[in-house]
């Protein structure tokens, strides 16, 4: 994949495709860790802390609560 570095409003930007973002579990606006090793640019999704995990898990549970309650009632 060959990309072109662009300058917008004085900022240098390297566009990343939706596929690349998705494979890292990222979306536009997400923060990433950027490292240069030898002559290679490494882009990593930030590590998830225990607190982050708990918050993400609780949000998922709340979002799916109606489905879980329906499953708990069983089929009648």
Protein backbone atom coordinates (compact mmCIF):
# COMPACT_ATOMS: atom_id res chain seq x y z
CA UNK A 1 0.00 0.00 0.00
CA UNK A 2 1.51 3.30 -1.08
CA UNK A 3 0.19 6.49 0.54
CA UNK A 4 1.05 10.17 0.03
CA UNK A 5 1.79 12.46 2.97
CA UNK A 6 -0.43 15.53 2.71
CA UNK A 7 -0.24 18.95 4.34
CA UNK A 8 -3.51 20.52 5.51
CA UNK A 9 -3.53 23.77 7.49
CA UNK A 10 0.20 23.38 8.16
CA UNK A 11 -0.17 19.84 9.57
CA UNK A 12 1.46 16.83 7.90
CA UNK A 13 -1.04 13.99 7.58
CA UNK A 14 -0.70 10.37 6.50
CA UNK A 15 -4.08 9.01 5.38
CA UNK A 16 -5.03 5.53 6.60
CA UNK A 17 -7.73 3.48 4.91
CA UNK A 18 -10.86 2.34 6.73
CA UNK A 19 -9.54 -1.23 6.47
CA UNK A 20 -6.31 -0.30 8.27
CA UNK A 21 -8.20 1.55 11.02
CA UNK A 22 -10.63 -1.33 11.42
CA UNK A 23 -7.84 -3.91 11.68
CA UNK A 24 -6.41 -1.91 14.60
CA UNK A 25 -9.83 -1.44 16.19
CA UNK A 26 -9.65 2.31 15.60
CA UNK A 27 -11.93 5.01 14.22
CA UNK A 28 -11.26 8.58 13.09
CA UNK A 29 -10.32 10.71 16.09
CA UNK A 30 -8.76 7.83 18.04
CA UNK A 31 -5.35 8.29 19.64
CA UNK A 32 -2.53 5.98 18.57
CA UNK A 33 1.01 5.25 19.66
CA UNK A 34 3.50 6.11 16.89
CA UNK A 35 7.07 4.80 17.00
CA UNK A 36 9.93 4.81 14.52
CA UNK A 37 12.13 1.71 14.58
CA UNK A 38 15.08 1.85 12.21
CA UNK A 39 13.38 3.08 9.02
CA UNK A 40 9.91 1.75 9.89
CA UNK A 41 6.89 3.69 11.14
CA UNK A 42 4.94 1.61 13.68
CA UNK A 43 1.34 2.59 14.53
CA UNK A 44 -0.30 0.83 17.49
CA UNK A 45 -3.65 1.05 19.17
CA UNK A 46 -3.18 2.14 22.78
CA UNK A 47 -3.22 -0.57 25.42
CA UNK A 48 -6.50 -1.04 27.26
CA UNK A 49 -6.19 -0.66 31.04
CA UNK A 50 -8.25 -2.62 33.55
CA UNK A 51 -10.39 0.47 34.19
CA UNK A 52 -10.96 0.88 30.44
CA UNK A 53 -11.98 -2.77 30.16
CA UNK A 54 -14.47 -2.51 33.02
CA UNK A 55 -16.03 0.61 31.47
CA UNK A 56 -16.27 -0.99 28.01
CA UNK A 57 -17.74 -4.19 29.50
CA UNK A 58 -20.33 -2.31 31.58
CA UNK A 59 -21.35 -0.21 28.57
CA UNK A 60 -21.84 -3.38 26.52
CA UNK A 61 -23.92 -4.99 29.26
CA UNK A 62 -26.17 -1.93 29.53
CA UNK A 63 -26.60 -1.73 25.77
CA UNK A 64 -27.63 -5.39 25.58
CA UNK A 65 -29.64 -5.51 28.83
CA UNK A 66 -33.05 -6.00 27.10
CA UNK A 67 -31.74 -9.00 25.14
CA UNK A 68 -30.19 -10.55 28.27
CA UNK A 69 -33.42 -10.07 30.22
CA UNK A 70 -35.41 -11.68 27.43
CA UNK A 71 -33.03 -14.63 27.35
CA UNK A 72 -33.26 -14.98 31.15
CA UNK A 73 -37.05 -15.28 30.92
CA UNK A 74 -36.71 -18.23 28.53
CA UNK A 75 -39.09 -19.25 25.80
CA UNK A 76 -42.68 -19.59 26.91
